[in-house]
PDB file of N, CA and C in Angstrom:
ATOM      1  N   MET A   1      96.688 -23.566 110.863  1.00  0.00           N
ATOM      2  CA  MET A   1      96.462 -24.867 110.255  1.00  0.00           C
ATOM      3  C   MET A   1      96.738 -25.987 111.254  1.00  0.00           C
ATOM      4  N   PHE A   2      97.869 -25.906 111.968  1.00  0.00           N
ATOM      5  CA  PHE A   2      98.197 -26.960 112.916  1.00  0.00           C
ATOM      6  C   PHE A   2      97.352 -26.890 114.175  1.00  0.00           C
ATOM      7  N   ALA A   3      96.896 -25.708 114.529  1.00  0.00           N
ATOM      8  CA  ALA A   3      96.101 -25.570 115.742  1.00  0.00           C
ATOM      9  C   ALA A   3      94.774 -26.302 115.612  1.00  0.00           C
ATOM     10  N   SER A   4      94.173 -26.259 114.468  1.00  0.00           N
ATOM     11  CA  SER A   4      92.889 -26.935 114.301  1.00  0.00           C
ATOM     12  C   SER A   4      93.041 -28.440 114.105  1.00  0.00           C
ATOM     13  N   SER A   5      94.182 -28.887 113.572  1.00  0.00           N
ATOM     14  CA  SER A   5      94.363 -30.313 113.337  1.00  0.00           C
ATOM     15  C   SER A   5      94.954 -31.032 114.538  1.00  0.00           C
ATOM     16  N   SER A   6      95.363 -30.291 115.572  1.00  0.00           N
ATOM     17  CA  SER A   6      95.978 -30.946 116.720  1.00  0.00           C
ATOM     18  C   SER A   6      94.982 -31.808 117.486  1.00  0.00           C
ATOM     19  N   SER A   7      93.705 -31.519 117.389  1.00  0.00           N
ATOM     20  CA  SER A   7      92.733 -32.376 118.059  1.00  0.00           C
ATOM     21  C   SER A   7      92.505 -33.676 117.294  1.00  0.00           C
ATOM     22  N   TYR A   8      92.879 -33.721 116.050  1.00  0.00           N
ATOM     23  CA  TYR A   8      92.689 -34.919 115.232  1.00  0.00           C
ATOM     24  C   TYR A   8      93.948 -35.765 115.103  1.00  0.00           C
ATOM     25  N   VAL A   9      95.105 -35.154 115.282  1.00  0.00           N
ATOM     26  CA  VAL A   9      96.380 -35.833 115.044  1.00  0.00           C
ATOM     27  C   VAL A   9      97.162 -35.905 116.340  1.00  0.00           C
ATOM     28  N   THR A  10      97.672 -37.080 116.653  1.00  0.00           N
ATOM     29  CA  THR A  10      98.579 -37.246 117.779  1.00  0.00           C
ATOM     30  C   THR A  10      99.998 -37.150 117.243  1.00  0.00           C
ATOM     31  N   TRP A  11     100.640 -36.011 117.499  1.00  0.00           N
ATOM     32  CA  TRP A  11     101.943 -35.734 116.894  1.00  0.00           C
ATOM     33  C   TRP A  11     103.025 -36.672 117.421  1.00  0.00           C
ATOM     34  N   THR A  12     102.947 -37.084 118.666  1.00  0.00           N
ATOM     35  CA  THR A  12     103.959 -38.018 119.169  1.00  0.00           C
ATOM     36  C   THR A  12     103.860 -39.359 118.449  1.00  0.00           C
ATOM     37  N   ALA A  13     102.642 -39.793 118.147  1.00  0.00           N
ATOM     38  CA  ALA A  13     102.480 -41.046 117.395  1.00  0.00           C
ATOM     39  C   ALA A  13     103.001 -40.890 115.972  1.00  0.00           C
ATOM     40  N   MET A  14     102.802 -39.705 115.394  1.00  0.00           N
ATOM     41  CA  MET A  14     103.306 -39.471 114.033  1.00  0.00           C
ATOM     42  C   MET A  14     104.835 -39.547 114.001  1.00  0.00           C
ATOM     43  N   TRP A  15     105.508 -38.929 114.991  1.00  0.00           N
ATOM     44  CA  TRP A  15     106.969 -38.987 115.031  1.00  0.00           C
ATOM     45  C   TRP A  15     107.452 -40.410 115.265  1.00  0.00           C
ATOM     46  N   GLU A  16     106.720 -41.153 116.091  1.00  0.00           N
ATOM     47  CA  GLU A  16     107.096 -42.545 116.334  1.00  0.00           C
ATOM     48  C   GLU A  16     107.011 -43.360 115.046  1.00  0.00           C
ATOM     49  N   ILE A  17     106.000 -43.144 114.266  1.00  0.00           N
ATOM     50  CA  ILE A  17     105.840 -43.848 112.992  1.00  0.00           C
ATOM     51  C   ILE A  17     106.960 -43.486 112.023  1.00  0.00           C
ATOM     52  N   VAL A  18     107.315 -42.208 111.981  1.00  0.00           N
ATOM     53  CA  VAL A  18     108.382 -41.766 111.074  1.00  0.00           C
ATOM     54  C   VAL A  18     109.722 -42.387 111.473  1.00  0.00           C
ATOM     55  N   VAL A  19     110.037 -42.369 112.764  1.00  0.00           N
ATOM     56  CA  VAL A  19     111.325 -42.906 113.220  1.00  0.00           C
ATOM     57  C   VAL A  19     111.395 -44.411 112.995  1.00  0.00           C
ATOM     58  N   ILE A  20     110.335 -45.131 113.343  1.00  0.00           N
ATOM     59  CA  ILE A  20     110.341 -46.584 113.147  1.00  0.00           C
ATOM     60  C   ILE A  20     110.378 -46.919 111.659  1.00  0.00           C
ATOM     61  N   GLY A  21     109.700 -46.123 110.848  1.00  0.00           N
ATOM     62  CA  GLY A  21     109.748 -46.349 109.405  1.00  0.00           C
ATOM     63  C   GLY A  21     111.134 -46.152 108.823  1.00  0.00           C
ATOM     64  N   LEU A  22     111.826 -45.116 109.299  1.00  0.00           N
ATOM     65  CA  LEU A  22     113.187 -44.891 108.817  1.00  0.00           C
ATOM     66  C   LEU A  22     114.130 -45.994 109.274  1.00  0.00           C
ATOM     67  N   LEU A  23     114.013 -46.388 110.537  1.00  0.00           N
ATOM     68  CA  LEU A  23     114.877 -47.463 111.031  1.00  0.00           C
ATOM     69  C   LEU A  23     114.581 -48.782 110.325  1.00  0.00           C
ATOM     70  N   GLY A  24     113.317 -49.082 110.149  1.00  0.00           N
ATOM     71  CA  GLY A  24     112.953 -50.337 109.501  1.00  0.00           C
ATOM     72  C   GLY A  24     113.236 -50.345 108.016  1.00  0.00           C
ATOM     73  N   GLY A  25     113.079 -49.210 107.374  1.00  0.00           N
ATOM     74  CA  GLY A  25     113.300 -49.146 105.933  1.00  0.00           C
ATOM     75  C   GLY A  25     114.752 -48.949 105.572  1.00  0.00           C
ATOM     76  N   ALA A  26     115.267 -47.778 105.887  1.00  0.00           N
ATOM     77  CA  ALA A  26     116.652 -47.453 105.512  1.00  0.00           C
ATOM     78  C   ALA A  26     117.656 -48.135 106.431  1.00  0.00           C
ATOM     79  N   GLY A  27     117.319 -48.278 107.698  1.00  0.00           N
ATOM     80  CA  GLY A  27     118.263 -48.870 108.653  1.00  0.00           C
ATOM     81  C   GLY A  27     118.545 -50.332 108.363  1.00  0.00           C
ATOM     82  N   LEU A  28     117.497 -51.115 108.173  1.00  0.00           N
ATOM     83  CA  LEU A  28     117.709 -52.534 107.892  1.00  0.00           C
ATOM     84  C   LEU A  28     118.345 -52.752 106.519  1.00  0.00           C
ATOM     85  N   THR A  29     118.038 -51.876 105.585  1.00  0.00           N
ATOM     86  CA  THR A  29     118.675 -51.973 104.271  1.00  0.00           C
ATOM     87  C   THR A  29     120.169 -51.699 104.373  1.00  0.00           C
ATOM     88  N   ALA A  30     120.543 -50.720 105.183  1.00  0.00           N
ATOM     89  CA  ALA A  30     121.965 -50.403 105.373  1.00  0.00           C
ATOM     90  C   ALA A  30     122.686 -51.542 106.085  1.00  0.00           C
ATOM     91  N   VAL A  31     122.050 -52.149 107.076  1.00  0.00           N
ATOM     92  CA  VAL A  31     122.670 -53.276 107.782  1.00  0.00           C
ATOM     93  C   VAL A  31     122.827 -54.472 106.842  1.00  0.00           C
ATOM     94  N   PHE A  32     121.820 -54.725 106.012  1.00  0.00           N
ATOM     95  CA  PHE A  32     121.925 -55.819 105.041  1.00  0.00           C
ATOM     96  C   PHE A  32     123.060 -55.552 104.047  1.00  0.00           C
ATOM     97  N   SER A  33     123.194 -54.302 103.610  1.00  0.00           N
ATOM     98  CA  SER A  33     124.279 -53.950 102.684  1.00  0.00           C
ATOM     99  C   SER A  33     125.636 -54.135 103.343  1.00  0.00           C
ATOM    100  N   ALA A  34     125.747 -53.764 104.607  1.00  0.00           N
ATOM    101  CA  ALA A  34     127.007 -53.973 105.323  1.00  0.00           C
ATOM    102  C   ALA A  34     127.324 -55.456 105.432  1.00  0.00           C
ATOM    103  N   GLY A  35     126.305 -56.282 105.618  1.00  0.00           N
ATOM    104  CA  GLY A  35     126.519 -57.726 105.649  1.00  0.00           C
ATOM    105  C   GLY A  35     127.010 -58.272 104.320  1.00  0.00           C
ATOM    106  N   LEU A  36     126.466 -57.742 103.225  1.00  0.00           N
ATOM    107  CA  LEU A  36     126.938 -58.175 101.907  1.00  0.00           C
ATOM    108  C   LEU A  36     128.377 -57.738 101.658  1.00  0.00           C
ATOM    109  N   VAL A  37     128.729 -56.541 102.092  1.00  0.00           N
ATOM    110  CA  VAL A  37     130.116 -56.077 101.940  1.00  0.00           C
ATOM    111  C   VAL A  37     131.055 -56.956 102.762  1.00  0.00           C
ATOM    112  N   ALA A  38     130.650 -57.276 103.994  1.00  0.00           N
ATOM    113  CA  ALA A  38     131.486 -58.146 104.830  1.00  0.00           C
ATOM    114  C   ALA A  38     131.618 -59.531 104.208  1.00  0.00           C
ATOM    115  N   LEU A  39     130.563 -60.009 103.596  1.00  0.00           N
ATOM    116  CA  LEU A  39     130.620 -61.316 102.937  1.00  0.00           C
ATOM    117  C   LEU A  39     131.532 -61.283 101.716  1.00  0.00           C
ATOM    118  N   SER A  40     131.541 -60.168 100.988  1.00  0.00           N
ATOM    119  CA  SER A  40     132.420 -60.073  99.825  1.00  0.00           C
ATOM    120  C   SER A  40     133.881 -59.942 100.243  1.00  0.00           C
ATOM    121  N   ILE A  41     134.126 -59.365 101.396  1.00  0.00           N
ATOM    122  CA  ILE A  41     135.511 -59.252 101.886  1.00  0.00           C
ATOM    123  C   ILE A  41     136.065 -60.642 102.189  1.00  0.00           C
ATOM    124  N   THR A  42     135.234 -61.541 102.681  1.00  0.00           N
ATOM    125  CA  THR A  42     135.722 -62.887 102.998  1.00  0.00           C
ATOM    126  C   THR A  42     136.183 -63.611 101.749  1.00  0.00           C
ATOM    127  N   ARG A  43     135.584 -63.325 100.623  1.00  0.00           N
ATOM    128  CA  ARG A  43     135.983 -63.988  99.372  1.00  0.00           C
ATOM    129  C   ARG A  43     137.260 -63.392  98.801  1.00  0.00           C
ATOM    130  N   ARG A  44     137.466 -62.086  99.003  1.00  0.00           N
ATOM    131  CA  ARG A  44     138.665 -61.444  98.455  1.00  0.00           C
ATOM    132  C   ARG A  44     139.925 -61.820  99.212  1.00  0.00           C
ATOM    133  N   VAL A  45     139.813 -62.038 100.528  1.00  0.00           N
ATOM    134  CA  VAL A  45     140.999 -62.325 101.325  1.00  0.00           C
ATOM    135  C   VAL A  45     141.567 -63.690 100.984  1.00  0.00           C
ATOM    136  N   GLY A  46     140.709 -64.648 100.647  1.00  0.00           N
ATOM    137  CA  GLY A  46     141.159 -66.007 100.380  1.00  0.00           C
ATOM    138  C   GLY A  46     141.991 -66.130  99.115  1.00  0.00           C
ATOM    139  N   GLY A  47     142.019 -65.141  98.271  1.00  0.00           N
ATOM    140  CA  GLY A  47     142.812 -65.187  97.060  1.00  0.00           C
ATOM    141  C   GLY A  47     142.145 -65.963  95.935  1.00  0.00           C
ATOM    142  N   GLY A  48     140.946 -66.443  96.153  1.00  0.00           N
ATOM    143  CA  GLY A  48     140.222 -67.126  95.094  1.00  0.00           C
ATOM    144  C   GLY A  48     140.589 -68.590  94.932  1.00  0.00           C
ATOM    145  N   SER A  49     141.541 -69.084  95.676  1.00  0.00           N
ATOM    146  CA  SER A  49     141.917 -70.488  95.527  1.00  0.00           C
ATOM    147  C   SER A  49     141.073 -71.338  96.460  1.00  0.00           C
ATOM    148  N   SER A  50     140.577 -72.426  95.937  1.00  0.00           N
ATOM    149  CA  SER A  50     139.776 -73.323  96.773  1.00  0.00           C
ATOM    150  C   SER A  50     140.662 -74.306  97.534  1.00  0.00           C
ATOM    151  N   ALA A  51     141.968 -74.222  97.348  1.00  0.00           N
ATOM    152  CA  ALA A  51     142.884 -75.151  98.003  1.00  0.00           C
ATOM    153  C   ALA A  51     143.152 -74.767  99.440  1.00  0.00           C
ATOM    154  N   GLY A  52     142.569 -73.695  99.926  1.00  0.00           N
ATOM    155  CA  GLY A  52     142.739 -73.359 101.339  1.00  0.00           C
ATOM    156  C   GLY A  52     143.471 -72.056 101.558  1.00  0.00           C
ATOM    157  N   GLY A  53     142.985 -70.993 101.005  1.00  0.00           N
ATOM    158  CA  GLY A  53     143.574 -69.689 101.279  1.00  0.00           C
ATOM    159  C   GLY A  53     143.198 -69.235 102.672  1.00  0.00           C
ATOM    160  N   ALA A  54     143.751 -68.132 103.084  1.00  0.00           N
ATOM    161  CA  ALA A  54     143.454 -67.596 104.412  1.00  0.00           C
ATOM    162  C   ALA A  54     141.991 -67.149 104.466  1.00  0.00           C
ATOM    163  N   ARG A  55     141.340 -67.476 105.549  1.00  0.00           N
ATOM    164  CA  ARG A  55     139.937 -67.089 105.713  1.00  0.00           C
ATOM    165  C   ARG A  55     139.845 -65.864 106.611  1.00  0.00           C
ATOM    166  N   ASN A  56     138.944 -64.996 106.261  1.00  0.00           N
ATOM    167  CA  ASN A  56     138.717 -63.801 107.041  1.00  0.00           C
ATOM    168  C   ASN A  56     137.554 -64.077 107.992  1.00  0.00           C
ATOM    169  N   ILE A  57     137.874 -64.523 109.186  1.00  0.00           N
ATOM    170  CA  ILE A  57     136.856 -64.887 110.167  1.00  0.00           C
ATOM    171  C   ILE A  57     136.079 -63.654 110.614  1.00  0.00           C
ATOM    172  N   ALA A  58     136.738 -62.521 110.725  1.00  0.00           N
ATOM    173  CA  ALA A  58     136.043 -61.303 111.150  1.00  0.00           C
ATOM    174  C   ALA A  58     134.962 -60.915 110.148  1.00  0.00           C
ATOM    175  N   GLY A  59     135.214 -61.099 108.874  1.00  0.00           N
ATOM    176  CA  GLY A  59     134.216 -60.822 107.854  1.00  0.00           C
ATOM    177  C   GLY A  59     133.006 -61.726 107.975  1.00  0.00           C
ATOM    178  N   TRP A  60     133.257 -63.012 108.233  1.00  0.00           N
ATOM    179  CA  TRP A  60     132.155 -63.955 108.411  1.00  0.00           C
ATOM    180  C   TRP A  60     131.323 -63.611 109.636  1.00  0.00           C
ATOM    181  N   VAL A  61     132.001 -63.247 110.722  1.00  0.00           N
ATOM    182  CA  VAL A  61     131.288 -62.909 111.956  1.00  0.00           C
ATOM    183  C   VAL A  61     130.452 -61.651 111.754  1.00  0.00           C
ATOM    184  N   LEU A  62     131.035 -60.646 111.114  1.00  0.00           N
ATOM    185  CA  LEU A  62     130.299 -59.403 110.865  1.00  0.00           C
ATOM    186  C   LEU A  62     129.104 -59.637 109.941  1.00  0.00           C
ATOM    187  N   ALA A  63     129.298 -60.434 108.909  1.00  0.00           N
ATOM    188  CA  ALA A  63     128.193 -60.737 107.994  1.00  0.00           C
ATOM    189  C   ALA A  63     127.082 -61.491 108.719  1.00  0.00           C
ATOM    190  N   THR A  64     127.450 -62.447 109.545  1.00  0.00           N
ATOM    191  CA  THR A  64     126.450 -63.215 110.294  1.00  0.00           C
ATOM    192  C   THR A  64     125.675 -62.316 111.240  1.00  0.00           C
ATOM    193  N   LEU A  65     126.373 -61.421 111.946  1.00  0.00           N
ATOM    194  CA  LEU A  65     125.693 -60.506 112.858  1.00  0.00           C
ATOM    195  C   LEU A  65     124.745 -59.573 112.107  1.00  0.00           C
ATOM    196  N   CYS A  66     125.192 -59.074 110.975  1.00  0.00           N
ATOM    197  CA  CYS A  66     124.331 -58.180 110.186  1.00  0.00           C
ATOM    198  C   CYS A  66     123.075 -58.902 109.720  1.00  0.00           C
ATOM    199  N   PHE A  67     123.230 -60.113 109.228  1.00  0.00           N
ATOM    200  CA  PHE A  67     122.072 -60.857 108.738  1.00  0.00           C
ATOM    201  C   PHE A  67     121.137 -61.258 109.875  1.00  0.00           C
ATOM    202  N   LEU A  68     121.695 -61.535 111.063  1.00  0.00           N
ATOM    203  CA  LEU A  68     120.843 -61.838 112.209  1.00  0.00           C
ATOM    204  C   LEU A  68     120.052 -60.611 112.666  1.00  0.00           C
ATOM    205  N   VAL A  69     120.672 -59.434 112.591  1.00  0.00           N
ATOM    206  CA  VAL A  69     119.960 -58.194 112.936  1.00  0.00           C
ATOM    207  C   VAL A  69     118.812 -57.974 111.962  1.00  0.00           C
ATOM    208  N   VAL A  70     119.060 -58.203 110.676  1.00  0.00           N
ATOM    209  CA  VAL A  70     118.004 -58.033 109.675  1.00  0.00           C
ATOM    210  C   VAL A  70     116.874 -59.037 109.913  1.00  0.00           C
ATOM    211  N   LEU A  71     117.210 -60.287 110.174  1.00  0.00           N
ATOM    212  CA  LEU A  71     116.180 -61.289 110.459  1.00  0.00           C
ATOM    213  C   LEU A  71     115.400 -60.935 111.719  1.00  0.00           C
ATOM    214  N   GLY A  72     116.091 -60.419 112.729  1.00  0.00           N
ATOM    215  CA  GLY A  72     115.409 -59.989 113.942  1.00  0.00           C
ATOM    216  C   GLY A  72     114.456 -58.838 113.678  1.00  0.00           C
ATOM    217  N   GLY A  73     114.870 -57.890 112.835  1.00  0.00           N
ATOM    218  CA  GLY A  73     113.999 -56.771 112.480  1.00  0.00           C
ATOM    219  C   GLY A  73     112.779 -57.220 111.707  1.00  0.00           C
ATOM    220  N   VAL A  74     112.962 -58.159 110.809  1.00  0.00           N
ATOM    221  CA  VAL A  74     111.830 -58.695 110.046  1.00  0.00           C
ATOM    222  C   VAL A  74     110.889 -59.456 110.975  1.00  0.00           C
ATOM    223  N   ALA A  75     111.439 -60.260 111.880  1.00  0.00           N
ATOM    224  CA  ALA A  75     110.610 -61.008 112.819  1.00  0.00           C
ATOM    225  C   ALA A  75     109.843 -60.056 113.743  1.00  0.00           C
ATOM    226  N   TYR A  76     110.499 -58.993 114.189  1.00  0.00           N
ATOM    227  CA  TYR A  76     109.823 -58.000 115.030  1.00  0.00           C
ATOM    228  C   TYR A  76     108.693 -57.323 114.265  1.00  0.00           C
ATOM    229  N   GLY A  77     108.922 -56.985 113.025  1.00  0.00           N
ATOM    230  CA  GLY A  77     107.890 -56.350 112.214  1.00  0.00           C
ATOM    231  C   GLY A  77     106.693 -57.257 111.997  1.00  0.00           C
ATOM    232  N   ILE A  78     106.956 -58.523 111.724  1.00  0.00           N
ATOM    233  CA  ILE A  78     105.860 -59.469 111.527  1.00  0.00           C
ATOM    234  C   ILE A  78     105.078 -59.664 112.822  1.00  0.00           C
ATOM    235  N   SER A  79     105.791 -59.788 113.937  1.00  0.00           N
ATOM    236  CA  SER A  79     105.091 -59.974 115.215  1.00  0.00           C
ATOM    237  C   SER A  79     104.297 -58.728 115.594  1.00  0.00           C
ATOM    238  N   ALA A  80     104.817 -57.548 115.261  1.00  0.00           N
ATOM    239  CA  ALA A  80     104.078 -56.319 115.549  1.00  0.00           C
ATOM    240  C   ALA A  80     102.818 -56.224 114.703  1.00  0.00           C
ATOM    241  N   MET A  81     102.857 -56.713 113.485  1.00  0.00           N
ATOM    242  CA  MET A  81     101.664 -56.685 112.648  1.00  0.00           C
ATOM    243  C   MET A  81     100.583 -57.629 113.167  1.00  0.00           C
ATOM    244  N   PHE A  82     100.986 -58.781 113.679  1.00  0.00           N
ATOM    245  CA  PHE A  82      99.997 -59.752 114.130  1.00  0.00           C
ATOM    246  C   PHE A  82      99.456 -59.462 115.521  1.00  0.00           C
ATOM    247  N   THR A  83     100.179 -58.692 116.328  1.00  0.00           N
ATOM    248  CA  THR A  83      99.704 -58.410 117.681  1.00  0.00           C
ATOM    249  C   THR A  83      98.824 -57.176 117.753  1.00  0.00           C
ATOM    250  N   LYS A  84      98.850 -56.324 116.753  1.00  0.00           N
ATOM    251  CA  LYS A  84      98.060 -55.078 116.815  1.00  0.00           C
ATOM    252  C   LYS A  84      96.744 -55.227 116.125  1.00  0.00           C
TER     253      LYS A  84
END
């Protein structure tokens, strides 16, 4: 079955599509989820008081980095669609 279809299918391109699809689909979703978790940690550390509780700067930095990675992935995907 595979011997006859090898002239029609480029298997390296198929693997490339699968890997990029997994990274773009599940990978960016996982990074976005990690950003939301980091953002929720910043709210829990402050104690809920608006009078100036301790801020979790590491949580804010991690959330910002995660969201920037997701935006970069979306921008890369859009640019790849328009250039091909």
